[in-house]
Amino acid sequence: MKLLLFNLGGHEIIIIALLVLLFFGGKRIPELMKGIGKGVKSFKDGLNDSSEKSSDDDNEKEISTK
């Protein structure tokens, strides 16, 4: 897990969670998580689209050289 990379223990994670709760409030956190989820999904879709596009371009090059 990436949290282990930064040597964060249980106490540090709890403190960070409490600070986030304090700054944003309980009602805004679901909105923030929803926005982050949409951003991650669109990023993954963009990666998949670019990889499909590059594989389509490679296939066209193979067909034209034959």
PDB file of N, CA and C in Angstrom:
ATOM      1  N   MET A   1       0.843  -1.173   0.000  1.00  0.00           N
ATOM      2  CA  MET A   1       0.000   0.000   0.000  1.00  0.00           C
ATOM      3  C   MET A   1       0.890   1.238   0.000  1.00  0.00           C
ATOM      4  N   LYS A   2       0.454   2.281  -0.680  1.00  0.00           N
ATOM      5  CA  LYS A   2       1.277   3.475  -0.801  1.00  0.00           C
ATOM      6  C   LYS A   2       1.465   4.194   0.525  1.00  0.00           C
ATOM      7  N   LEU A   3       0.529   4.020   1.460  1.00  0.00           N
ATOM      8  CA  LEU A   3       0.684   4.676   2.757  1.00  0.00           C
ATOM      9  C   LEU A   3       1.897   4.144   3.499  1.00  0.00           C
ATOM     10  N   LEU A   4       2.233   2.900   3.270  1.00  0.00           N
ATOM     11  CA  LEU A   4       3.412   2.329   3.914  1.00  0.00           C
ATOM     12  C   LEU A   4       4.694   2.958   3.382  1.00  0.00           C
ATOM     13  N   LEU A   5       4.644   3.449   2.161  1.00  0.00           N
ATOM     14  CA  LEU A   5       5.802   4.091   1.555  1.00  0.00           C
ATOM     15  C   LEU A   5       6.236   5.320   2.353  1.00  0.00           C
ATOM     16  N   PHE A   6       5.272   6.038   2.900  1.00  0.00           N
ATOM     17  CA  PHE A   6       5.582   7.247   3.653  1.00  0.00           C
ATOM     18  C   PHE A   6       5.713   6.979   5.150  1.00  0.00           C
ATOM     19  N   ASN A   7       5.692   5.714   5.546  1.00  0.00           N
ATOM     20  CA  ASN A   7       5.797   5.318   6.954  1.00  0.00           C
ATOM     21  C   ASN A   7       4.729   5.978   7.819  1.00  0.00           C
ATOM     22  N   LEU A   8       3.497   6.014   7.323  1.00  0.00           N
ATOM     23  CA  LEU A   8       2.393   6.533   8.110  1.00  0.00           C
ATOM     24  C   LEU A   8       1.811   5.403   8.943  1.00  0.00           C
ATOM     25  N   GLY A   9       1.681   5.659  10.214  1.00  0.00           N
ATOM     26  CA  GLY A   9       1.093   4.672  11.102  1.00  0.00           C
ATOM     27  C   GLY A   9      -0.379   4.956  11.317  1.00  0.00           C
ATOM     28  N   GLY A  10      -0.983   4.183  12.177  1.00  0.00           N
ATOM     29  CA  GLY A  10      -2.404   4.329  12.455  1.00  0.00           C
ATOM     30  C   GLY A  10      -2.760   5.673  13.062  1.00  0.00           C
ATOM     31  N   HIS A  11      -1.909   6.150  13.969  1.00  0.00           N
ATOM     32  CA  HIS A  11      -2.180   7.427  14.617  1.00  0.00           C
ATOM     33  C   HIS A  11      -2.146   8.582  13.623  1.00  0.00           C
ATOM     34  N   GLU A  12      -1.182   8.552  12.728  1.00  0.00           N
ATOM     35  CA  GLU A  12      -1.064   9.635  11.741  1.00  0.00           C
ATOM     36  C   GLU A  12      -2.258   9.649  10.794  1.00  0.00           C
ATOM     37  N   ILE A  13      -2.706   8.475  10.382  1.00  0.00           N
ATOM     38  CA  ILE A  13      -3.851   8.390   9.472  1.00  0.00           C
ATOM     39  C   ILE A  13      -5.108   8.920  10.160  1.00  0.00           C
ATOM     40  N   ILE A  14      -5.281   8.588  11.438  1.00  0.00           N
ATOM     41  CA  ILE A  14      -6.444   9.074  12.185  1.00  0.00           C
ATOM     42  C   ILE A  14      -6.397  10.592  12.322  1.00  0.00           C
ATOM     43  N   ILE A  15      -5.224  11.137  12.606  1.00  0.00           N
ATOM     44  CA  ILE A  15      -5.086  12.589  12.734  1.00  0.00           C
ATOM     45  C   ILE A  15      -5.400  13.274  11.409  1.00  0.00           C
ATOM     46  N   ILE A  16      -4.910  12.726  10.300  1.00  0.00           N
ATOM     47  CA  ILE A  16      -5.189  13.303   8.983  1.00  0.00           C
ATOM     48  C   ILE A  16      -6.684  13.243   8.687  1.00  0.00           C
ATOM     49  N   ALA A  17      -7.330  12.117   9.007  1.00  0.00           N
ATOM     50  CA  ALA A  17      -8.770  11.979   8.774  1.00  0.00           C
ATOM     51  C   ALA A  17      -9.557  12.987   9.607  1.00  0.00           C
ATOM     52  N   LEU A  18      -9.149  13.202  10.850  1.00  0.00           N
ATOM     53  CA  LEU A  18      -9.831  14.178  11.698  1.00  0.00           C
ATOM     54  C   LEU A  18      -9.645  15.601  11.166  1.00  0.00           C
ATOM     55  N   LEU A  19      -8.460  15.917  10.673  1.00  0.00           N
ATOM     56  CA  LEU A  19      -8.228  17.245  10.100  1.00  0.00           C
ATOM     57  C   LEU A  19      -9.076  17.471   8.854  1.00  0.00           C
ATOM     58  N   VAL A  20      -9.182  16.458   8.019  1.00  0.00           N
ATOM     59  CA  VAL A  20     -10.027  16.576   6.825  1.00  0.00           C
ATOM     60  C   VAL A  20     -11.480  16.783   7.238  1.00  0.00           C
ATOM     61  N   LEU A  21     -11.929  16.028   8.222  1.00  0.00           N
ATOM     62  CA  LEU A  21     -13.294  16.178   8.724  1.00  0.00           C
ATOM     63  C   LEU A  21     -13.514  17.568   9.299  1.00  0.00           C
ATOM     64  N   LEU A  22     -12.535  18.090   9.997  1.00  0.00           N
ATOM     65  CA  LEU A  22     -12.638  19.414  10.596  1.00  0.00           C
ATOM     66  C   LEU A  22     -12.697  20.500   9.524  1.00  0.00           C
ATOM     67  N   PHE A  23     -11.848  20.398   8.506  1.00  0.00           N
ATOM     68  CA  PHE A  23     -11.796  21.426   7.465  1.00  0.00           C
ATOM     69  C   PHE A  23     -13.009  21.405   6.546  1.00  0.00           C
ATOM     70  N   PHE A  24     -13.460  20.213   6.151  1.00  0.00           N
ATOM     71  CA  PHE A  24     -14.506  20.125   5.144  1.00  0.00           C
ATOM     72  C   PHE A  24     -15.882  19.827   5.707  1.00  0.00           C
ATOM     73  N   GLY A  25     -15.981  19.259   6.869  1.00  0.00           N
ATOM     74  CA  GLY A  25     -17.269  18.924   7.453  1.00  0.00           C
ATOM     75  C   GLY A  25     -17.790  17.601   6.915  1.00  0.00           C
ATOM     76  N   GLY A  26     -18.715  17.019   7.635  1.00  0.00           N
ATOM     77  CA  GLY A  26     -19.236  15.707   7.286  1.00  0.00           C
ATOM     78  C   GLY A  26     -20.072  15.691   6.019  1.00  0.00           C
ATOM     79  N   LYS A  27     -20.721  16.805   5.708  1.00  0.00           N
ATOM     80  CA  LYS A  27     -21.593  16.838   4.533  1.00  0.00           C
ATOM     81  C   LYS A  27     -20.816  16.991   3.230  1.00  0.00           C
ATOM     82  N   ARG A  28     -19.668  17.609   3.275  1.00  0.00           N
ATOM     83  CA  ARG A  28     -18.902  17.872   2.051  1.00  0.00           C
ATOM     84  C   ARG A  28     -18.000  16.719   1.649  1.00  0.00           C
ATOM     85  N   ILE A  29     -17.649  15.851   2.571  1.00  0.00           N
ATOM     86  CA  ILE A  29     -16.715  14.758   2.269  1.00  0.00           C
ATOM     87  C   ILE A  29     -17.268  13.825   1.195  1.00  0.00           C
ATOM     88  N   PRO A  30     -18.555  13.410   1.235  1.00  0.00           N
ATOM     89  CA  PRO A  30     -19.055  12.567   0.139  1.00  0.00           C
ATOM     90  C   PRO A  30     -18.985  13.253  -1.223  1.00  0.00           C
ATOM     91  N   GLU A  31     -19.234  14.567  -1.249  1.00  0.00           N
ATOM     92  CA  GLU A  31     -19.124  15.317  -2.508  1.00  0.00           C
ATOM     93  C   GLU A  31     -17.680  15.297  -3.016  1.00  0.00           C
ATOM     94  N   LEU A  32     -16.739  15.480  -2.114  1.00  0.00           N
ATOM     95  CA  LEU A  32     -15.331  15.467  -2.507  1.00  0.00           C
ATOM     96  C   LEU A  32     -14.918  14.099  -3.038  1.00  0.00           C
ATOM     97  N   MET A  33     -15.353  13.040  -2.365  1.00  0.00           N
ATOM     98  CA  MET A  33     -15.004  11.687  -2.802  1.00  0.00           C
ATOM     99  C   MET A  33     -15.636  11.366  -4.156  1.00  0.00           C
ATOM    100  N   LYS A  34     -16.849  11.838  -4.369  1.00  0.00           N
ATOM    101  CA  LYS A  34     -17.525  11.636  -5.653  1.00  0.00           C
ATOM    102  C   LYS A  34     -16.760  12.350  -6.761  1.00  0.00           C
ATOM    103  N   GLY A  35     -16.324  13.555  -6.502  1.00  0.00           N
ATOM    104  CA  GLY A  35     -15.544  14.303  -7.487  1.00  0.00           C
ATOM    105  C   GLY A  35     -14.213  13.627  -7.784  1.00  0.00           C
ATOM    106  N   ILE A  36     -13.553  13.125  -6.760  1.00  0.00           N
ATOM    107  CA  ILE A  36     -12.280  12.426  -6.958  1.00  0.00           C
ATOM    108  C   ILE A  36     -12.507  11.158  -7.771  1.00  0.00           C
ATOM    109  N   GLY A  37     -13.598  10.433  -7.472  1.00  0.00           N
ATOM    110  CA  GLY A  37     -13.919   9.223  -8.222  1.00  0.00           C
ATOM    111  C   GLY A  37     -14.169   9.504  -9.687  1.00  0.00           C
ATOM    112  N   LYS A  38     -14.900  10.581  -9.976  1.00  0.00           N
ATOM    113  CA  LYS A  38     -15.154  10.951 -11.376  1.00  0.00           C
ATOM    114  C   LYS A  38     -13.849  11.320 -12.074  1.00  0.00           C
ATOM    115  N   GLY A  39     -12.975  12.012 -11.373  1.00  0.00           N
ATOM    116  CA  GLY A  39     -11.693  12.394 -11.953  1.00  0.00           C
ATOM    117  C   GLY A  39     -10.824  11.189 -12.271  1.00  0.00           C
ATOM    118  N   VAL A  40     -10.779  10.229 -11.364  1.00  0.00           N
ATOM    119  CA  VAL A  40      -9.995   9.013 -11.588  1.00  0.00           C
ATOM    120  C   VAL A  40     -10.576   8.224 -12.756  1.00  0.00           C
ATOM    121  N   LYS A  41     -11.921   8.138 -12.822  1.00  0.00           N
ATOM    122  CA  LYS A  41     -12.568   7.396 -13.908  1.00  0.00           C
ATOM    123  C   LYS A  41     -12.266   8.044 -15.260  1.00  0.00           C
ATOM    124  N   SER A  42     -12.355   9.367 -15.337  1.00  0.00           N
ATOM    125  CA  SER A  42     -12.077  10.029 -16.605  1.00  0.00           C
ATOM    126  C   SER A  42     -10.602   9.890 -16.984  1.00  0.00           C
ATOM    127  N   PHE A  43      -9.714   9.883 -16.004  1.00  0.00           N
ATOM    128  CA  PHE A  43      -8.294   9.681 -16.274  1.00  0.00           C
ATOM    129  C   PHE A  43      -8.048   8.288 -16.850  1.00  0.00           C
ATOM    130  N   LYS A  44      -8.670   7.266 -16.238  1.00  0.00           N
ATOM    131  CA  LYS A  44      -8.523   5.896 -16.734  1.00  0.00           C
ATOM    132  C   LYS A  44      -9.121   5.755 -18.130  1.00  0.00           C
ATOM    133  N   ASP A  45     -10.276   6.381 -18.358  1.00  0.00           N
ATOM    134  CA  ASP A  45     -10.887   6.335 -19.687  1.00  0.00           C
ATOM    135  C   ASP A  45      -9.975   6.988 -20.718  1.00  0.00           C
ATOM    136  N   GLY A  46      -9.349   8.083 -20.345  1.00  0.00           N
ATOM    137  CA  GLY A  46      -8.417   8.752 -21.248  1.00  0.00           C
ATOM    138  C   GLY A  46      -7.220   7.886 -21.571  1.00  0.00           C
ATOM    139  N   LEU A  47      -6.703   7.180 -20.574  1.00  0.00           N
ATOM    140  CA  LEU A  47      -5.582   6.271 -20.825  1.00  0.00           C
ATOM    141  C   LEU A  47      -5.989   5.143 -21.757  1.00  0.00           C
ATOM    142  N   ASN A  48      -7.182   4.575 -21.530  1.00  0.00           N
ATOM    143  CA  ASN A  48      -7.653   3.492 -22.378  1.00  0.00           C
ATOM    144  C   ASN A  48      -7.892   3.968 -23.812  1.00  0.00           C
ATOM    145  N   ASP A  49      -8.453   5.175 -23.975  1.00  0.00           N
ATOM    146  CA  ASP A  49      -8.696   5.711 -25.304  1.00  0.00           C
ATOM    147  C   ASP A  49      -7.393   5.933 -26.059  1.00  0.00           C
ATOM    148  N   SER A  50      -6.385   6.456 -25.363  1.00  0.00           N
ATOM    149  CA  SER A  50      -5.114   6.720 -26.037  1.00  0.00           C
ATOM    150  C   SER A  50      -4.410   5.422 -26.411  1.00  0.00           C
ATOM    151  N   SER A  51      -4.515   4.386 -25.557  1.00  0.00           N
ATOM    152  CA  SER A  51      -3.876   3.114 -25.889  1.00  0.00           C
ATOM    153  C   SER A  51      -4.613   2.431 -27.032  1.00  0.00           C
ATOM    154  N   GLU A  52      -5.950   2.557 -27.081  1.00  0.00           N
ATOM    155  CA  GLU A  52      -6.706   1.990 -28.194  1.00  0.00           C
ATOM    156  C   GLU A  52      -6.377   2.729 -29.489  1.00  0.00           C
ATOM    157  N   LYS A  53      -6.231   4.031 -29.408  1.00  0.00           N
ATOM    158  CA  LYS A  53      -5.921   4.829 -30.593  1.00  0.00           C
ATOM    159  C   LYS A  53      -4.548   4.460 -31.135  1.00  0.00           C
ATOM    160  N   SER A  54      -3.573   4.287 -30.249  1.00  0.00           N
ATOM    161  CA  SER A  54      -2.230   3.947 -30.706  1.00  0.00           C
ATOM    162  C   SER A  54      -2.198   2.541 -31.289  1.00  0.00           C
ATOM    163  N   SER A  55      -2.981   1.603 -30.736  1.00  0.00           N
ATOM    164  CA  SER A  55      -3.010   0.256 -31.302  1.00  0.00           C
ATOM    165  C   SER A  55      -3.731   0.263 -32.647  1.00  0.00           C
ATOM    166  N   ASP A  56      -4.741   1.115 -32.829  1.00  0.00           N
ATOM    167  CA  ASP A  56      -5.411   1.235 -34.120  1.00  0.00           C
ATOM    168  C   ASP A  56      -4.453   1.807 -35.163  1.00  0.00           C
ATOM    169  N   ASP A  57      -3.648   2.796 -34.768  1.00  0.00           N
ATOM    170  CA  ASP A  57      -2.666   3.380 -35.681  1.00  0.00           C
ATOM    171  C   ASP A  57      -1.629   2.341 -36.091  1.00  0.00           C
ATOM    172  N   ASP A  58      -1.195   1.509 -35.152  1.00  0.00           N
ATOM    173  CA  ASP A  58      -0.221   0.463 -35.457  1.00  0.00           C
ATOM    174  C   ASP A  58      -0.810  -0.544 -36.438  1.00  0.00           C
ATOM    175  N   ASN A  59      -2.083  -0.906 -36.254  1.00  0.00           N
ATOM    176  CA  ASN A  59      -2.730  -1.849 -37.156  1.00  0.00           C
ATOM    177  C   ASN A  59      -2.848  -1.284 -38.561  1.00  0.00           C
ATOM    178  N   GLU A  60      -3.144   0.025 -38.677  1.00  0.00           N
ATOM    179  CA  GLU A  60      -3.242   0.660 -39.985  1.00  0.00           C
ATOM    180  C   GLU A  60      -1.882   0.657 -40.686  1.00  0.00           C
ATOM    181  N   LYS A  61      -0.810   0.874 -39.924  1.00  0.00           N
ATOM    182  CA  LYS A  61       0.533   0.878 -40.519  1.00  0.00           C
ATOM    183  C   LYS A  61       0.890  -0.512 -41.040  1.00  0.00           C
ATOM    184  N   GLU A  62       0.510  -1.565 -40.299  1.00  0.00           N
ATOM    185  CA  GLU A  62       0.803  -2.930 -40.736  1.00  0.00           C
ATOM    186  C   GLU A  62       0.053  -3.259 -42.004  1.00  0.00           C
ATOM    187  N   ILE A  63      -1.198  -2.844 -42.101  1.00  0.00           N
ATOM    188  CA  ILE A  63      -2.021  -3.125 -43.263  1.00  0.00           C
ATOM    189  C   ILE A  63      -1.464  -2.387 -44.491  1.00  0.00           C
ATOM    190  N   SER A  64      -1.048  -1.137 -44.307  1.00  0.00           N
ATOM    191  CA  SER A  64      -0.555  -0.349 -45.440  1.00  0.00           C
ATOM    192  C   SER A  64       0.802  -0.839 -45.933  1.00  0.00           C
ATOM    193  N   THR A  65       1.605  -1.487 -45.093  1.00  0.00           N
ATOM    194  CA  THR A  65       2.917  -1.966 -45.519  1.00  0.00           C
ATOM    195  C   THR A  65       2.839  -3.321 -46.205  1.00  0.00           C
ATOM    196  N   LYS A  66       1.739  -4.020 -46.069  1.00  0.00           N
ATOM    197  CA  LYS A  66       1.602  -5.359 -46.681  1.00  0.00           C
ATOM    198  C   LYS A  66       1.237  -5.279 -48.118  1.00  0.00           C
TER     199      LYS A  66
END
